[in-house]
Amino acid sequence: MENEQQSNSDAKQSLVYTFKIKGHLGQQWLNWFEGLAVTLEEDGNSLLRGPVIDQSALYGILKKIRDLGMPLLSVNFTDSNQPLESGTGEVNDDL
């Protein structure tokens, strides 16, 4: 019974996601991704990073990126309880 409860609590942990998009987001779009930090990289790409509470929120962010028409280069996640430098899992790369 304990293992079942443990797996339920693991499923509720929020994950920190990093979305890499080809191109720089314009200033007018920064508020559209509220809750995510936006970094404009020197190589011309944009990083959106922050906690995502569930799969529905994840799909909502992906839909917004799609609606912008900007190519999604990668999506990475980190368990919110782990240091950001370690434990990064790659979901998609070079889409």
N, C-alpha and C. Protein backbone atom coordinates (compact mmCIF):
# COMPACT_ATOMS: atom_id res chain seq x y z
N MET A 1 0.82 -1.19 0.00
CA MET A 1 0.00 0.00 0.00
C MET A 1 0.87 1.26 0.00
N GLU A 2 2.00 1.22 0.70
CA GLU A 2 2.88 2.38 0.74
C GLU A 2 3.41 2.73 -0.64
N ASN A 3 3.78 1.72 -1.43
CA ASN A 3 4.30 1.98 -2.76
C ASN A 3 3.27 2.67 -3.64
N GLU A 4 2.02 2.30 -3.49
CA GLU A 4 0.96 2.92 -4.27
C GLU A 4 0.83 4.40 -3.92
N GLN A 5 0.88 4.73 -2.64
CA GLN A 5 0.81 6.12 -2.21
C GLN A 5 2.02 6.90 -2.68
N GLN A 6 3.19 6.28 -2.66
CA GLN A 6 4.41 6.94 -3.10
C GLN A 6 4.31 7.30 -4.58
N SER A 7 3.82 6.37 -5.40
CA SER A 7 3.72 6.64 -6.83
C SER A 7 2.72 7.76 -7.12
N ASN A 8 1.65 7.85 -6.33
CA ASN A 8 0.70 8.94 -6.50
C ASN A 8 1.31 10.28 -6.19
N SER A 9 2.14 10.37 -5.14
CA SER A 9 2.76 11.63 -4.82
C SER A 9 3.82 12.00 -5.85
N ASP A 10 4.51 11.01 -6.43
CA ASP A 10 5.48 11.28 -7.48
C ASP A 10 4.82 11.89 -8.70
N ALA A 11 3.62 11.40 -9.02
CA ALA A 11 2.91 11.89 -10.20
C ALA A 11 2.49 13.35 -10.03
N LYS A 12 2.34 13.81 -8.78
CA LYS A 12 1.87 15.17 -8.55
C LYS A 12 3.00 16.18 -8.46
N GLN A 13 4.25 15.74 -8.51
CA GLN A 13 5.36 16.68 -8.46
C GLN A 13 5.38 17.51 -9.74
N SER A 14 5.59 18.82 -9.58
CA SER A 14 5.67 19.65 -10.77
C SER A 14 7.06 19.52 -11.38
N LEU A 15 7.12 19.63 -12.69
CA LEU A 15 8.37 19.55 -13.42
C LEU A 15 8.71 20.92 -13.96
N VAL A 16 9.99 21.21 -14.02
CA VAL A 16 10.46 22.43 -14.64
C VAL A 16 10.84 22.07 -16.07
N TYR A 17 10.22 22.75 -17.02
CA TYR A 17 10.47 22.48 -18.44
C TYR A 17 11.26 23.62 -19.06
N THR A 18 12.08 23.26 -20.04
CA THR A 18 12.78 24.23 -20.87
C THR A 18 12.41 23.95 -22.31
N PHE A 19 11.87 24.94 -22.98
CA PHE A 19 11.48 24.84 -24.39
C PHE A 19 12.45 25.70 -25.19
N LYS A 20 13.07 25.12 -26.19
CA LYS A 20 13.98 25.87 -27.05
C LYS A 20 13.29 26.09 -28.38
N ILE A 21 13.19 27.36 -28.77
CA ILE A 21 12.48 27.75 -29.99
C ILE A 21 13.46 28.44 -30.92
N LYS A 22 13.35 28.13 -32.21
CA LYS A 22 14.20 28.77 -33.20
C LYS A 22 13.70 30.19 -33.45
N GLY A 23 14.58 31.15 -33.27
CA GLY A 23 14.23 32.55 -33.46
C GLY A 23 13.99 33.25 -32.13
N HIS A 24 14.04 34.57 -32.16
CA HIS A 24 13.78 35.36 -30.97
C HIS A 24 12.31 35.73 -30.90
N LEU A 25 11.72 35.55 -29.72
CA LEU A 25 10.35 35.99 -29.50
C LEU A 25 10.33 37.51 -29.42
N GLY A 26 9.35 38.11 -30.03
CA GLY A 26 9.17 39.55 -29.93
C GLY A 26 8.65 39.92 -28.55
N GLN A 27 8.89 41.15 -28.14
CA GLN A 27 8.45 41.63 -26.81
C GLN A 27 6.95 41.43 -26.59
N GLN A 28 6.17 41.56 -27.65
CA GLN A 28 4.72 41.45 -27.50
C GLN A 28 4.26 40.06 -27.08
N TRP A 29 5.10 39.04 -27.24
CA TRP A 29 4.73 37.66 -26.90
C TRP A 29 5.20 37.22 -25.53
N LEU A 30 6.04 38.01 -24.88
CA LEU A 30 6.62 37.58 -23.61
C LEU A 30 5.56 37.35 -22.53
N ASN A 31 4.55 38.20 -22.46
CA ASN A 31 3.48 38.04 -21.47
C ASN A 31 2.56 36.86 -21.78
N TRP A 32 2.54 36.43 -23.02
CA TRP A 32 1.69 35.31 -23.42
C TRP A 32 2.13 34.02 -22.74
N PHE A 33 3.40 33.94 -22.40
CA PHE A 33 3.95 32.77 -21.74
C PHE A 33 4.15 33.04 -20.25
N GLU A 34 3.15 33.62 -19.61
CA GLU A 34 3.26 33.97 -18.20
C GLU A 34 3.63 32.75 -17.36
N GLY A 35 4.47 32.97 -16.39
CA GLY A 35 4.95 31.88 -15.55
C GLY A 35 6.23 31.25 -16.06
N LEU A 36 6.60 31.56 -17.30
CA LEU A 36 7.84 31.03 -17.87
C LEU A 36 8.83 32.18 -18.06
N ALA A 37 10.06 31.93 -17.69
CA ALA A 37 11.12 32.91 -17.94
C ALA A 37 11.56 32.77 -19.39
N VAL A 38 11.72 33.89 -20.07
CA VAL A 38 12.12 33.89 -21.47
C VAL A 38 13.53 34.44 -21.58
N THR A 39 14.41 33.67 -22.22
CA THR A 39 15.79 34.09 -22.45
C THR A 39 16.04 34.11 -23.95
N LEU A 40 16.49 35.25 -24.45
CA LEU A 40 16.85 35.36 -25.86
C LEU A 40 18.35 35.08 -25.97
N GLU A 41 18.69 33.98 -26.62
CA GLU A 41 20.09 33.55 -26.71
C GLU A 41 20.82 34.29 -27.83
N GLU A 42 22.12 34.35 -27.70
CA GLU A 42 22.95 35.03 -28.70
C GLU A 42 22.91 34.32 -30.05
N ASP A 43 22.62 33.02 -30.06
CA ASP A 43 22.58 32.27 -31.32
C ASP A 43 21.29 32.48 -32.09
N GLY A 44 20.41 33.35 -31.56
CA GLY A 44 19.17 33.65 -32.26
C GLY A 44 17.98 32.82 -31.82
N ASN A 45 18.17 31.94 -30.86
CA ASN A 45 17.08 31.11 -30.35
C ASN A 45 16.52 31.68 -29.06
N SER A 46 15.34 31.21 -28.67
CA SER A 46 14.70 31.62 -27.42
C SER A 46 14.53 30.41 -26.52
N LEU A 47 14.73 30.61 -25.22
CA LEU A 47 14.47 29.58 -24.22
C LEU A 47 13.32 30.05 -23.35
N LEU A 48 12.34 29.18 -23.15
CA LEU A 48 11.25 29.43 -22.23
C LEU A 48 11.41 28.40 -21.12
N ARG A 49 11.41 28.83 -19.86
CA ARG A 49 11.71 27.91 -18.78
C ARG A 49 10.84 28.21 -17.57
N GLY A 50 10.30 27.16 -16.96
CA GLY A 50 9.52 27.33 -15.74
C GLY A 50 8.75 26.07 -15.40
N PRO A 51 8.04 26.11 -14.26
CA PRO A 51 7.27 24.94 -13.82
C PRO A 51 6.02 24.74 -14.67
N VAL A 52 5.71 23.47 -14.89
CA VAL A 52 4.49 23.09 -15.60
C VAL A 52 3.75 22.13 -14.68
N ILE A 53 2.52 22.48 -14.32
CA ILE A 53 1.82 21.74 -13.27
C ILE A 53 1.25 20.39 -13.70
N ASP A 54 0.89 20.26 -14.99
CA ASP A 54 0.34 18.99 -15.44
C ASP A 54 0.41 18.89 -16.96
N GLN A 55 -0.05 17.76 -17.49
CA GLN A 55 0.01 17.53 -18.93
C GLN A 55 -0.84 18.53 -19.71
N SER A 56 -1.95 18.93 -19.14
CA SER A 56 -2.81 19.90 -19.82
C SER A 56 -2.09 21.23 -20.01
N ALA A 57 -1.39 21.67 -18.97
CA ALA A 57 -0.61 22.91 -19.07
C ALA A 57 0.52 22.76 -20.08
N LEU A 58 1.16 21.59 -20.11
CA LEU A 58 2.23 21.33 -21.08
C LEU A 58 1.70 21.45 -22.50
N TYR A 59 0.58 20.82 -22.76
CA TYR A 59 0.00 20.88 -24.11
C TYR A 59 -0.42 22.30 -24.46
N GLY A 60 -0.88 23.08 -23.48
CA GLY A 60 -1.24 24.47 -23.72
C GLY A 60 -0.04 25.30 -24.17
N ILE A 61 1.10 25.07 -23.52
CA ILE A 61 2.33 25.79 -23.90
C ILE A 61 2.76 25.37 -25.30
N LEU A 62 2.73 24.07 -25.57
CA LEU A 62 3.12 23.58 -26.89
C LEU A 62 2.20 24.14 -27.97
N LYS A 63 0.92 24.28 -27.65
CA LYS A 63 -0.04 24.85 -28.61
C LYS A 63 0.30 26.32 -28.90
N LYS A 64 0.67 27.07 -27.86
CA LYS A 64 1.04 28.47 -28.07
C LYS A 64 2.28 28.59 -28.96
N ILE A 65 3.24 27.71 -28.72
CA ILE A 65 4.45 27.72 -29.55
C ILE A 65 4.09 27.39 -30.99
N ARG A 66 3.23 26.41 -31.18
CA ARG A 66 2.78 26.05 -32.53
C ARG A 66 2.07 27.22 -33.19
N ASP A 67 1.20 27.90 -32.44
CA ASP A 67 0.44 29.02 -32.98
C ASP A 67 1.33 30.18 -33.41
N LEU A 68 2.50 30.31 -32.78
CA LEU A 68 3.45 31.35 -33.19
C LEU A 68 4.10 31.03 -34.53
N GLY A 69 4.10 29.77 -34.90
CA GLY A 69 4.73 29.36 -36.16
C GLY A 69 6.24 29.29 -36.07
N MET A 70 6.77 29.24 -34.86
CA MET A 70 8.22 29.16 -34.68
C MET A 70 8.60 27.71 -34.44
N PRO A 71 9.65 27.22 -35.11
CA PRO A 71 10.05 25.83 -34.93
C PRO A 71 10.48 25.53 -33.50
N LEU A 72 9.96 24.43 -32.95
CA LEU A 72 10.33 23.95 -31.63
C LEU A 72 11.56 23.07 -31.80
N LEU A 73 12.66 23.46 -31.17
CA LEU A 73 13.92 22.71 -31.32
C LEU A 73 14.06 21.61 -30.28
N SER A 74 13.64 21.88 -29.04
CA SER A 74 13.74 20.85 -28.01
C SER A 74 12.85 21.17 -26.82
N VAL A 75 12.54 20.12 -26.06
CA VAL A 75 11.81 20.24 -24.81
C VAL A 75 12.54 19.36 -23.80
N ASN A 76 12.95 19.95 -22.69
CA ASN A 76 13.65 19.21 -21.63
C ASN A 76 12.92 19.44 -20.32
N PHE A 77 13.02 18.46 -19.41
CA PHE A 77 12.39 18.62 -18.11
C PHE A 77 13.35 18.23 -16.99
N THR A 78 13.09 18.82 -15.83
CA THR A 78 13.83 18.52 -14.62
C THR A 78 12.83 18.40 -13.49
N ASP A 79 12.97 17.39 -12.66
CA ASP A 79 12.14 17.26 -11.48
C ASP A 79 12.38 18.48 -10.60
N SER A 80 11.32 19.10 -10.10
CA SER A 80 11.47 20.34 -9.33
C SER A 80 12.24 20.14 -8.03
N ASN A 81 12.38 18.89 -7.57
CA ASN A 81 13.11 18.61 -6.34
C ASN A 81 14.59 18.35 -6.59
N GLN A 82 15.01 18.30 -7.83
CA GLN A 82 16.40 18.03 -8.16
C GLN A 82 17.09 19.31 -8.59
N PRO A 83 18.41 19.39 -8.38
CA PRO A 83 19.15 20.55 -8.88
C PRO A 83 19.00 20.64 -10.40
N LEU A 84 18.99 21.85 -10.92
CA LEU A 84 18.75 22.05 -12.35
C LEU A 84 19.88 21.54 -13.22
N GLU A 85 21.12 21.49 -12.70
CA GLU A 85 22.24 21.05 -13.51
C GLU A 85 22.24 19.53 -13.72
N SER A 86 21.65 18.81 -12.78
CA SER A 86 21.62 17.35 -12.92
C SER A 86 20.18 16.88 -13.01
N GLY A 87 20.00 15.69 -13.54
CA GLY A 87 18.67 15.11 -13.62
C GLY A 87 17.84 15.59 -14.77
N THR A 88 18.44 16.26 -15.73
CA THR A 88 17.68 16.74 -16.88
C THR A 88 17.35 15.57 -17.78
N GLY A 89 16.09 15.41 -18.10
CA GLY A 89 15.66 14.37 -19.01
C GLY A 89 15.21 14.99 -20.30
N GLU A 90 15.54 14.39 -21.39
CA GLU A 90 15.20 14.96 -22.69
C GLU A 90 13.93 14.29 -23.19
N VAL A 91 12.95 15.10 -23.55
CA VAL A 91 11.69 14.57 -24.08
C VAL A 91 11.78 14.51 -25.59
N ASN A 92 12.09 15.61 -26.21
CA ASN A 92 12.22 15.68 -27.66
C ASN A 92 13.41 16.56 -28.00
N ASP A 93 14.11 16.21 -29.05
CA ASP A 93 15.23 17.03 -29.49
C ASP A 93 15.23 17.01 -31.01
N ASP A 94 15.55 18.13 -31.61
CA ASP A 94 15.61 18.25 -33.07
C ASP A 94 14.30 17.84 -33.72
N LEU A 95 13.21 18.46 -33.27
CA LEU A 95 11.89 18.14 -33.85
C LEU A 95 11.79 18.63 -35.26
